[in-house]
Amino acid sequence: MHPTIRTERVQTPSKRLQARLGMLVLTLLLALPSTGLAQDAEGTLKYRQDLMSAIGSDMAAISDILKFQLPLQANIETHASNIASNAGLMNSAFKAPISDGPTDAKPEIWQDWAHFEKDIAKMKAAAEKLSQTVAQGGDGAAIGAGLKTLGRTCGGCHKEFRKPKKESYKNK
């Protein structure tokens, strides 16, 4: 006759601690994707705002050069080139359909993406043309006309795809 050996599963404090740590790690891993998405949205919106601010700063610099008749007309070529370069980044910056939160982007951007892309292309082309006008020694009237055309491309896109100023997240 063989004696029956009875084995009970006894959890030692270290086994219980390991089990709790395992659950904690699992919980954290499950929480990471949603945190990552929130960070992605926040980062995307911040990047868009910085990109649009850069374009606005270059537009303001060109306007100041002309308005105050600063002897910096050659700098307009660089500012216009910067606008064209930044316009080339807008498609990727706005690809993620985020119109909630701290943004003035309207959902219409993604509802009519092809139209949005055309507006970006118009802005880029107008900025490139202004840069070329300056590089070719264009006079003040030609540069002013180029700036006006560029400004219209910005305004047209804002009218269709940016929330009105009274609805801006900046006013909340």
C-alpha atoms as a PDB file:
ATOM      1  CA  MET A   1       0.000   0.000   0.000  1.00  0.00           C
ATOM      2  CA  HIS A   2       1.307   3.316  -0.966  1.00  0.00           C
ATOM      3  CA  PRO A   3       0.606   6.313   1.094  1.00  0.00           C
ATOM      4  CA  THR A   4      -1.347   9.008  -0.697  1.00  0.00           C
ATOM      5  CA  ILE A   5       0.531  12.209  -0.881  1.00  0.00           C
ATOM      6  CA  ARG A   6      -1.740  15.137  -0.769  1.00  0.00           C
ATOM      7  CA  THR A   7      -0.444  18.281  -2.346  1.00  0.00           C
ATOM      8  CA  GLU A   8      -2.175  21.544  -1.815  1.00  0.00           C
ATOM      9  CA  ARG A   9      -1.496  24.544  -3.827  1.00  0.00           C
ATOM     10  CA  VAL A  10      -0.334  27.128  -1.393  1.00  0.00           C
ATOM     11  CA  GLN A  11       0.452  30.575  -2.641  1.00  0.00           C
ATOM     12  CA  THR A  12       3.353  32.106  -0.914  1.00  0.00           C
ATOM     13  CA  PRO A  13       3.468  35.868  -0.481  1.00  0.00           C
ATOM     14  CA  SER A  14       5.896  36.119  -3.394  1.00  0.00           C
ATOM     15  CA  LYS A  15       3.502  34.199  -5.699  1.00  0.00           C
ATOM     16  CA  ARG A  16       0.635  36.506  -4.744  1.00  0.00           C
ATOM     17  CA  LEU A  17       2.838  39.526  -5.388  1.00  0.00           C
ATOM     18  CA  GLN A  18       3.830  38.156  -8.793  1.00  0.00           C
ATOM     19  CA  ALA A  19       0.176  37.595  -9.683  1.00  0.00           C
ATOM     20  CA  ARG A  20      -0.746  41.135  -8.660  1.00  0.00           C
ATOM     21  CA  LEU A  21       2.181  42.603 -10.565  1.00  0.00           C
ATOM     22  CA  GLY A  22       1.159  40.589 -13.613  1.00  0.00           C
ATOM     23  CA  MET A  23      -2.366  41.997 -13.433  1.00  0.00           C
ATOM     24  CA  LEU A  24      -1.001  45.504 -12.987  1.00  0.00           C
ATOM     25  CA  VAL A  25       1.240  45.156 -16.038  1.00  0.00           C
ATOM     26  CA  LEU A  26      -1.661  43.771 -18.085  1.00  0.00           C
ATOM     27  CA  THR A  27      -3.887  46.659 -17.003  1.00  0.00           C
ATOM     28  CA  LEU A  28      -1.210  49.197 -17.945  1.00  0.00           C
ATOM     29  CA  LEU A  29      -0.633  47.564 -21.322  1.00  0.00           C
ATOM     30  CA  LEU A  30      -4.342  47.685 -22.080  1.00  0.00           C
ATOM     31  CA  ALA A  31      -4.454  51.363 -21.132  1.00  0.00           C
ATOM     32  CA  LEU A  32      -1.489  52.360 -23.308  1.00  0.00           C
ATOM     33  CA  PRO A  33      -3.188  52.262 -26.718  1.00  0.00           C
ATOM     34  CA  SER A  34      -5.886  54.717 -25.656  1.00  0.00           C
ATOM     35  CA  THR A  35      -3.312  56.966 -24.017  1.00  0.00           C
ATOM     36  CA  GLY A  36      -1.231  56.768 -27.180  1.00  0.00           C
ATOM     37  CA  LEU A  37      -4.198  57.802 -29.310  1.00  0.00           C
ATOM     38  CA  ALA A  38      -4.875  60.780 -27.065  1.00  0.00           C
ATOM     39  CA  GLN A  39      -1.223  61.791 -27.258  1.00  0.00           C
ATOM     40  CA  ASP A  40      -1.261  61.330 -31.037  1.00  0.00           C
ATOM     41  CA  ALA A  41      -4.300  63.625 -31.351  1.00  0.00           C
ATOM     42  CA  GLU A  42      -2.763  66.199 -29.030  1.00  0.00           C
ATOM     43  CA  GLY A  43       0.541  66.069 -30.897  1.00  0.00           C
ATOM     44  CA  THR A  44      -1.168  66.241 -34.284  1.00  0.00           C
ATOM     45  CA  LEU A  45      -3.186  69.298 -33.276  1.00  0.00           C
ATOM     46  CA  LYS A  46      -0.114  71.012 -31.834  1.00  0.00           C
ATOM     47  CA  TYR A  47       1.863  70.285 -35.003  1.00  0.00           C
ATOM     48  CA  ARG A  48      -0.948  71.677 -37.200  1.00  0.00           C
ATOM     49  CA  GLN A  49      -1.139  74.826 -35.086  1.00  0.00           C
ATOM     50  CA  ASP A  50       2.614  75.320 -35.287  1.00  0.00           C
ATOM     51  CA  LEU A  51       2.580  74.772 -39.051  1.00  0.00           C
ATOM     52  CA  MET A  52      -0.256  77.242 -39.603  1.00  0.00           C
ATOM     53  CA  SER A  53       1.400  79.759 -37.245  1.00  0.00           C
ATOM     54  CA  ALA A  54       4.607  79.516 -39.271  1.00  0.00           C
ATOM     55  CA  ILE A  55       2.664  80.291 -42.445  1.00  0.00           C
ATOM     56  CA  GLY A  56       0.925  83.189 -40.698  1.00  0.00           C
ATOM     57  CA  SER A  57       4.250  84.552 -39.433  1.00  0.00           C
ATOM     58  CA  ASP A  58       5.746  84.511 -42.920  1.00  0.00           C
ATOM     59  CA  MET A  59       2.634  86.225 -44.324  1.00  0.00           C
ATOM     60  CA  ALA A  60       2.880  88.880 -41.600  1.00  0.00           C
ATOM     61  CA  ALA A  61       6.593  89.396 -42.292  1.00  0.00           C
ATOM     62  CA  ILE A  62       5.924  89.951 -46.011  1.00  0.00           C
ATOM     63  CA  SER A  63       3.107  92.373 -45.180  1.00  0.00           C
ATOM     64  CA  ASP A  64       5.348  94.290 -42.764  1.00  0.00           C
ATOM     65  CA  ILE A  65       8.130  94.602 -45.343  1.00  0.00           C
ATOM     66  CA  LEU A  66       5.690  96.076 -47.849  1.00  0.00           C
ATOM     67  CA  LYS A  67       3.588  98.129 -45.427  1.00  0.00           C
ATOM     68  CA  PHE A  68       6.554  99.801 -43.752  1.00  0.00           C
ATOM     69  CA  GLN A  69       8.588  99.927 -46.965  1.00  0.00           C
ATOM     70  CA  LEU A  70      11.476  98.150 -45.291  1.00  0.00           C
ATOM     71  CA  PRO A  71      14.643  97.722 -47.353  1.00  0.00           C
ATOM     72  CA  LEU A  72      14.198  93.950 -47.055  1.00  0.00           C
ATOM     73  CA  GLN A  73      12.378  93.199 -50.279  1.00  0.00           C
ATOM     74  CA  ALA A  74      14.773  90.342 -51.071  1.00  0.00           C
ATOM     75  CA  ASN A  75      13.640  88.635 -47.840  1.00  0.00           C
ATOM     76  CA  ILE A  76      10.162  88.272 -49.305  1.00  0.00           C
ATOM     77  CA  GLU A  77      11.538  85.542 -51.563  1.00  0.00           C
ATOM     78  CA  THR A  78      12.546  83.490 -48.497  1.00  0.00           C
ATOM     79  CA  HIS A  79       9.249  84.093 -46.694  1.00  0.00           C
ATOM     80  CA  ALA A  80       7.260  83.094 -49.782  1.00  0.00           C
ATOM     81  CA  SER A  81       9.438  79.996 -50.225  1.00  0.00           C
ATOM     82  CA  ASN A  82       8.803  79.092 -46.582  1.00  0.00           C
ATOM     83  CA  ILE A  83       5.055  79.362 -47.163  1.00  0.00           C
ATOM     84  CA  ALA A  84       5.301  77.133 -50.238  1.00  0.00           C
ATOM     85  CA  SER A  85       7.363  74.572 -48.306  1.00  0.00           C
ATOM     86  CA  ASN A  86       4.946  74.586 -45.383  1.00  0.00           C
ATOM     87  CA  ALA A  87       1.998  74.261 -47.761  1.00  0.00           C
ATOM     88  CA  GLY A  88       3.660  71.073 -48.971  1.00  0.00           C
ATOM     89  CA  LEU A  89       3.408  69.718 -45.419  1.00  0.00           C
ATOM     90  CA  MET A  90      -0.269  70.486 -44.936  1.00  0.00           C
ATOM     91  CA  ASN A  91      -1.685  67.346 -46.583  1.00  0.00           C
ATOM     92  CA  SER A  92       0.109  65.086 -44.145  1.00  0.00           C
ATOM     93  CA  ALA A  93      -0.559  67.410 -41.195  1.00  0.00           C
ATOM     94  CA  PHE A  94      -4.303  67.339 -41.813  1.00  0.00           C
ATOM     95  CA  LYS A  95      -4.611  63.701 -42.897  1.00  0.00           C
ATOM     96  CA  ALA A  96      -5.856  62.611 -39.449  1.00  0.00           C
ATOM     97  CA  PRO A  97      -9.550  63.618 -39.249  1.00  0.00           C
ATOM     98  CA  ILE A  98      -9.441  65.494 -35.940  1.00  0.00           C
ATOM     99  CA  SER A  99     -11.873  68.393 -35.647  1.00  0.00           C
ATOM    100  CA  ASP A 100     -12.677  68.175 -31.923  1.00  0.00           C
ATOM    101  CA  GLY A 101     -10.617  69.654 -29.141  1.00  0.00           C
ATOM    102  CA  PRO A 102      -8.264  72.605 -29.434  1.00  0.00           C
ATOM    103  CA  THR A 103      -8.538  73.071 -33.196  1.00  0.00           C
ATOM    104  CA  ASP A 104     -10.287  75.360 -35.633  1.00  0.00           C
ATOM    105  CA  ALA A 105     -10.347  72.711 -38.363  1.00  0.00           C
ATOM    106  CA  LYS A 106     -13.867  71.985 -39.607  1.00  0.00           C
ATOM    107  CA  PRO A 107     -15.029  68.441 -40.428  1.00  0.00           C
ATOM    108  CA  GLU A 108     -15.585  69.650 -43.995  1.00  0.00           C
ATOM    109  CA  ILE A 109     -11.846  69.175 -44.586  1.00  0.00           C
ATOM    110  CA  TRP A 110     -12.258  65.392 -44.538  1.00  0.00           C
ATOM    111  CA  GLN A 111     -15.723  65.423 -46.083  1.00  0.00           C
ATOM    112  CA  ASP A 112     -14.293  67.144 -49.163  1.00  0.00           C
ATOM    113  CA  TRP A 113     -10.636  66.159 -49.007  1.00  0.00           C
ATOM    114  CA  ALA A 114     -10.069  66.610 -52.759  1.00  0.00           C
ATOM    115  CA  HIS A 115     -11.233  70.230 -52.559  1.00  0.00           C
ATOM    116  CA  PHE A 116      -9.017  70.831 -49.514  1.00  0.00           C
ATOM    117  CA  GLU A 117      -6.018  69.442 -51.410  1.00  0.00           C
ATOM    118  CA  LYS A 118      -6.774  71.724 -54.370  1.00  0.00           C
ATOM    119  CA  ASP A 119      -6.884  74.748 -52.071  1.00  0.00           C
ATOM    120  CA  ILE A 120      -3.524  73.768 -50.590  1.00  0.00           C
ATOM    121  CA  ALA A 121      -2.078  73.377 -54.097  1.00  0.00           C
ATOM    122  CA  LYS A 122      -3.358  76.868 -55.016  1.00  0.00           C
ATOM    123  CA  MET A 123      -1.690  78.367 -51.956  1.00  0.00           C
ATOM    124  CA  LYS A 124       1.577  76.584 -52.702  1.00  0.00           C
ATOM    125  CA  ALA A 125       1.513  77.739 -56.345  1.00  0.00           C
ATOM    126  CA  ALA A 126       0.745  81.351 -55.349  1.00  0.00           C
ATOM    127  CA  ALA A 127       3.604  81.332 -52.812  1.00  0.00           C
ATOM    128  CA  GLU A 128       6.019  79.876 -55.384  1.00  0.00           C
ATOM    129  CA  LYS A 129       4.960  82.498 -57.928  1.00  0.00           C
ATOM    130  CA  LEU A 130       5.497  85.298 -55.418  1.00  0.00           C
ATOM    131  CA  SER A 131       8.943  83.922 -54.584  1.00  0.00           C
ATOM    132  CA  GLN A 132       9.814  83.800 -58.310  1.00  0.00           C
ATOM    133  CA  THR A 133       8.525  87.337 -58.846  1.00  0.00           C
ATOM    134  CA  VAL A 134      10.896  88.628 -56.185  1.00  0.00           C
ATOM    135  CA  ALA A 135      13.804  86.488 -57.454  1.00  0.00           C
ATOM    136  CA  GLN A 136      13.317  87.929 -60.947  1.00  0.00           C
ATOM    137  CA  GLY A 137      13.473  91.476 -59.587  1.00  0.00           C
ATOM    138  CA  GLY A 138       9.755  92.212 -59.701  1.00  0.00           C
ATOM    139  CA  ASP A 139       8.676  95.704 -58.757  1.00  0.00           C
ATOM    140  CA  GLY A 140       6.562  96.650 -55.751  1.00  0.00           C
ATOM    141  CA  ALA A 141       3.304  96.505 -57.721  1.00  0.00           C
ATOM    142  CA  ALA A 142       3.973  92.968 -58.964  1.00  0.00           C
ATOM    143  CA  ILE A 143       5.024  91.814 -55.499  1.00  0.00           C
ATOM    144  CA  GLY A 144       1.949  93.442 -53.942  1.00  0.00           C
ATOM    145  CA  ALA A 145      -0.298  91.728 -56.499  1.00  0.00           C
ATOM    146  CA  GLY A 146       1.395  88.401 -55.764  1.00  0.00           C
ATOM    147  CA  LEU A 147       0.848  88.868 -52.040  1.00  0.00           C
ATOM    148  CA  LYS A 148      -2.807  89.723 -52.640  1.00  0.00           C
ATOM    149  CA  THR A 149      -3.266  86.528 -54.693  1.00  0.00           C
ATOM    150  CA  LEU A 150      -1.558  84.490 -51.983  1.00  0.00           C
ATOM    151  CA  GLY A 151      -3.733  86.087 -49.310  1.00  0.00           C
ATOM    152  CA  ARG A 152      -6.871  85.186 -51.264  1.00  0.00           C
ATOM    153  CA  THR A 153      -5.833  81.525 -51.320  1.00  0.00           C
ATOM    154  CA  CYS A 154      -5.427  81.577 -47.540  1.00  0.00           C
ATOM    155  CA  GLY A 155      -8.740  83.345 -47.019  1.00  0.00           C
ATOM    156  CA  GLY A 156     -10.618  81.032 -49.373  1.00  0.00           C
ATOM    157  CA  CYS A 157      -9.440  77.960 -47.523  1.00  0.00           C
ATOM    158  CA  HIS A 158     -10.158  79.537 -44.140  1.00  0.00           C
ATOM    159  CA  LYS A 159     -13.673  80.465 -45.212  1.00  0.00           C
ATOM    160  CA  GLU A 160     -14.499  76.879 -46.143  1.00  0.00           C
ATOM    161  CA  PHE A 161     -12.413  74.821 -43.768  1.00  0.00           C
ATOM    162  CA  ARG A 162     -11.713  76.857 -40.616  1.00  0.00           C
ATOM    163  CA  LYS A 163     -14.222  77.491 -37.857  1.00  0.00           C
ATOM    164  CA  PRO A 164     -15.326  81.133 -37.598  1.00  0.00           C
ATOM    165  CA  LYS A 165     -13.331  83.221 -35.122  1.00  0.00           C
ATOM    166  CA  LYS A 166     -16.308  83.396 -32.727  1.00  0.00           C
ATOM    167  CA  GLU A 167     -16.283  79.562 -32.566  1.00  0.00           C
ATOM    168  CA  SER A 168     -12.496  79.288 -32.216  1.00  0.00           C
ATOM    169  CA  TYR A 169     -11.107  77.107 -29.462  1.00  0.00           C
ATOM    170  CA  LYS A 170      -8.944  80.115 -28.592  1.00  0.00           C
ATOM    171  CA  ASN A 171     -12.039  81.972 -27.355  1.00  0.00           C
ATOM    172  CA  LYS A 172     -13.143  79.282 -24.950  1.00  0.00           C
END
